[in-house]
């Protein structure tokens, strides 16, 4: 009898309707189980941030129930990464200074990295995976600052999560994921295209579905879904374009952390979408490297940055 792998591959290689693709992706997320779950504290904080009746004090009290999380957050906001002029000694004070949504995004960043960092899989080196994503996150935040947008932490989180769907795929359909990786490495086909042709959907599709399950903002969901295909974005084109550029920068700065060995081409139209010019790279590259080292020591204190 054919294996489950062969049956699955044969089934998904037929022409799939959108609803069937969505169903297959949801099956993968359900199969991932605890891998695709975040601590309850994040969902509580996210719920409070989305509730107009909640105050900064309500959010602060919820976070302070987790002493380890509170300590990590205070360490981050008091670090050179933010470079605030005075010390911030309470979560409520941190919320007042950086805002509820930015702090929610920091909670997400710290909980995601802690939850997923222990993943064990033959297809991926987790230290390199997070190194690439952190470079993308820092680049995304700095480019957002250049765009003078509010809530720049959402671009940091978008960069940190842009490849999160890969972890679900490597855990649940490793053989098919490896086939896509091998094709990319052998003939240079961009990974997201190889995934769509072999599996029927990409890591961007899976990541977007996971973020939707976590009830994250639409801007994050669309950015993760289309970070390789910015021309398909509809409602958050500037954010998607920013992370598309940040991903390219991350691969260019640290080629060793690129799991494919192939840099997906940059869609040069994204520069016009963001309103940024190529000249910003001259000043941004050094800052990206410096901020990367600072944030790496905060989020991954037990691993080397390079």
Foldseek 3Di string as FASTA:
>chain_A
DDDPLVVLQVVLLPDDDPVVVVVVLVVLLVVLPLLLDFDPLLLVLVVLVPDPPHDLVNSQVSQVVDVVLFVLLQCVCQFVLPPDPDHDDGSSSVCVVQNSLLSSLVSVLQRNCVSNQPDDFPLADSLLQQLLLQLLLLQLLVLVVVLVDRSSSLLSSLSRQLQVLLSSCCVRPVVQLVVLLVVCQPPVDPSQVSCCNRNVGGSLQSSLVSVVVSVDDPLSSQLSNCLLPLVPDDDNSLSNLSSVVSSQLSCVVCVVSPSSNHRRDRPVCSCVVNVHDPVVCVVVVVVSVVSSCRVCCSSPVPDDSD
